[in-house]
Amino acid sequence: MTTRLEPLREAHWPVLNTFMLPLEQEKYTTLPIDLESPLADGIHPIVIVAEEPVGFFLLHDTERVTSYTEVDDALLLSMFSINHSAQGNGHAKAALRQLPNYVRAHFPHKHEVVLSVNLKNEAAFSLYQAVGFDDTNRRIDGPIGPQRIMSLAV
């Protein structure tokens, strides 16, 4: 099964609105149904699609990025999640491995993607490391505790 990244389209919403996560995962992210609408300029919703939407994340090209890195050519990745019913099928790794090519194609002036992951969220940290994100050793306070900043060159 092929996993691909697509900009959000209206046709994705019927499935995105059904996404669910166990409470131990949901506390670390936001589900698509809980997005503020409309999104602010510079926030780009991306859908992870297999045969249908299986995941979701945002790429920020906003001032918020400066809280995570000092470089000018970075994007911030947030709200990464895979619908619970689609987990365990490699979609997260496949999507994140496609991220550098996606960024080069859609944001050619950007050369880094940064994110923050809660220090207690070892599963997410391991996933991000496995696909090439590096721990920058910077820490920030998050809504439910300290977070590590990770970076991926693209």
Protein backbone atom coordinates (compact mmCIF):
# COMPACT_ATOMS: atom_id res chain seq x y z
CA MET A 1 0.00 0.00 0.00
CA THR A 2 1.36 3.39 -1.01
CA THR A 3 1.37 6.24 1.48
CA ARG A 4 1.51 9.78 0.09
CA LEU A 5 1.34 13.37 1.31
CA GLU A 6 -1.33 15.71 -0.06
CA PRO A 7 -2.39 19.25 0.74
CA LEU A 8 -5.73 19.23 2.57
CA ARG A 9 -8.76 19.16 0.27
CA GLU A 10 -12.43 19.41 1.16
CA ALA A 11 -12.86 15.78 0.05
CA HIS A 12 -10.58 14.64 2.93
CA TRP A 13 -12.86 15.96 5.69
CA PRO A 14 -15.43 13.13 5.90
CA VAL A 15 -12.66 10.72 6.94
CA LEU A 16 -10.57 13.24 8.91
CA ASN A 17 -13.60 14.04 11.06
CA THR A 18 -13.74 10.40 12.18
CA PHE A 19 -10.11 10.24 13.41
CA MET A 20 -9.69 8.90 16.93
CA LEU A 21 -6.72 8.36 19.21
CA PRO A 22 -6.36 6.62 22.57
CA LEU A 23 -6.21 9.13 25.44
CA GLU A 24 -2.52 8.39 26.08
CA GLN A 25 -1.78 9.58 22.50
CA GLU A 26 -4.40 12.32 22.18
CA LYS A 27 -2.88 14.27 25.07
CA TYR A 28 0.20 14.91 22.91
CA THR A 29 -1.55 16.25 19.79
CA THR A 30 -4.74 17.76 18.36
CA LEU A 31 -7.16 15.89 16.14
CA PRO A 32 -8.09 17.39 12.74
CA ILE A 33 -11.71 17.90 13.86
CA ASP A 34 -10.43 20.27 16.58
CA LEU A 35 -8.60 22.60 14.17
CA GLU A 36 -9.40 26.27 14.28
CA SER A 37 -11.09 27.38 11.10
CA PRO A 38 -10.02 29.15 9.07
CA LEU A 39 -6.34 28.51 9.59
CA ALA A 40 -4.05 31.51 9.82
CA ASP A 41 -1.92 32.46 6.84
CA GLY A 42 1.26 30.43 6.65
CA ILE A 43 -0.22 27.29 8.22
CA HIS A 44 -0.43 24.43 5.74
CA PRO A 45 -2.52 21.32 6.55
CA ILE A 46 -1.12 18.10 5.08
CA VAL A 47 -3.00 14.82 4.82
CA ILE A 48 -1.31 11.42 4.89
CA VAL A 49 -3.23 9.26 2.42
CA ALA A 50 -3.13 5.52 1.79
CA GLU A 51 -6.34 4.44 0.07
CA GLU A 52 -8.03 7.09 2.22
CA PRO A 53 -6.75 9.65 4.74
CA VAL A 54 -4.85 7.89 7.53
CA GLY A 55 -2.95 10.80 9.09
CA PHE A 56 -2.59 14.52 9.36
CA PHE A 57 -0.14 17.27 10.29
CA LEU A 58 0.49 20.97 9.90
CA LEU A 59 3.50 22.76 8.45
CA HIS A 60 3.92 26.30 9.76
CA ASP A 61 5.69 29.00 7.79
CA THR A 62 4.99 31.65 10.42
CA GLU A 63 6.71 33.63 13.17
CA ARG A 64 6.04 30.68 15.49
CA VAL A 65 8.99 28.88 13.89
CA THR A 66 11.41 31.30 15.58
CA SER A 67 10.52 29.74 18.95
CA TYR A 68 12.09 26.49 17.75
CA THR A 69 15.10 27.49 15.65
CA GLU A 70 17.22 30.50 14.80
CA VAL A 71 17.49 29.70 11.09
CA ASP A 72 15.36 31.66 8.63
CA ASP A 73 14.62 28.79 6.25
CA ALA A 74 12.74 26.39 8.52
CA LEU A 75 9.20 25.07 8.77
CA LEU A 76 7.55 23.87 11.97
CA LEU A 77 5.76 20.51 11.93
CA SER A 78 2.90 20.16 14.42
CA MET A 79 -0.20 18.05 15.11
CA PHE A 80 1.29 14.89 13.59
CA SER A 81 -1.04 11.94 14.08
CA ILE A 82 -2.12 8.69 12.49
CA ASN A 83 -5.72 7.61 12.99
CA HIS A 84 -5.79 4.85 15.61
CA SER A 85 -7.39 2.32 13.23
CA ALA A 86 -4.52 2.86 10.72
CA GLN A 87 -1.63 2.65 13.22
CA GLY A 88 0.94 -0.11 13.00
CA ASN A 89 0.99 -0.19 9.20
CA GLY A 90 4.08 1.97 8.58
CA HIS A 91 2.15 5.06 7.49
CA ALA A 92 3.92 7.40 9.94
CA LYS A 93 7.41 6.35 8.85
CA ALA A 94 6.45 6.38 5.19
CA ALA A 95 4.96 9.86 5.45
CA LEU A 96 7.90 11.31 7.37
CA ARG A 97 10.37 9.78 4.92
CA GLN A 98 8.54 11.63 2.14
CA LEU A 99 8.67 14.91 4.03
CA PRO A 100 12.01 16.17 2.62
CA ASN A 101 10.84 15.71 -0.99
CA TYR A 102 7.46 17.24 -0.19
CA VAL A 103 9.10 20.30 1.38
CA ARG A 104 11.53 20.69 -1.55
CA ALA A 105 8.60 20.53 -4.01
CA HIS A 106 6.17 22.81 -2.15
CA PHE A 107 8.51 25.04 -0.11
CA PRO A 108 11.73 25.23 -2.18
CA HIS A 109 13.10 28.10 -0.07
CA LYS A 110 12.96 25.97 3.12
CA HIS A 111 15.81 23.68 4.18
CA GLU A 112 14.88 22.53 7.68
CA VAL A 113 11.82 21.13 9.47
CA VAL A 114 11.63 21.46 13.24
CA LEU A 115 9.19 20.01 15.74
CA SER A 116 8.76 19.58 19.46
CA VAL A 117 7.98 16.30 21.17
CA ASN A 118 7.05 15.82 24.81
CA LEU A 119 9.88 14.28 26.83
CA LYS A 120 7.48 11.56 28.00
CA ASN A 121 6.40 10.63 24.46
CA GLU A 122 9.11 8.05 23.78
CA ALA A 123 7.20 6.41 20.91
CA ALA A 124 7.09 9.66 18.94
CA PHE A 125 10.72 10.49 19.78
CA SER A 126 11.84 7.07 18.51
CA LEU A 127 9.79 7.49 15.33
CA TYR A 128 11.24 10.93 14.58
CA GLN A 129 14.79 9.68 15.23
CA ALA A 130 14.24 6.67 12.96
CA VAL A 131 13.35 8.92 10.02
CA GLY A 132 16.29 11.29 10.46
CA PHE A 133 15.23 14.00 12.90
CA ASP A 134 18.02 15.00 15.30
CA ASP A 135 17.58 16.05 18.91
CA THR A 136 18.88 19.64 19.04
CA ASN A 137 19.30 19.39 22.84
CA ARG A 138 17.05 22.46 23.15
CA ARG A 139 14.04 22.19 25.46
CA ILE A 140 10.90 24.27 25.72
CA ASP A 141 7.91 24.19 28.02
CA GLY A 142 4.86 22.61 26.45
CA PRO A 143 1.20 22.42 27.47
CA ILE A 144 1.74 19.15 29.39
CA GLY A 145 5.41 19.35 30.26
CA PRO A 146 8.89 19.86 28.81
CA GLN A 147 9.47 19.19 25.14
CA ARG A 148 12.57 18.46 23.12
CA ILE A 149 13.18 20.29 19.87
CA MET A 150 14.09 18.09 16.92
CA SER A 151 15.33 19.11 13.49
CA LEU A 152 15.47 17.52 10.02
CA ALA A 153 17.56 18.94 7.18
CA VAL A 154 15.73 18.88 3.85
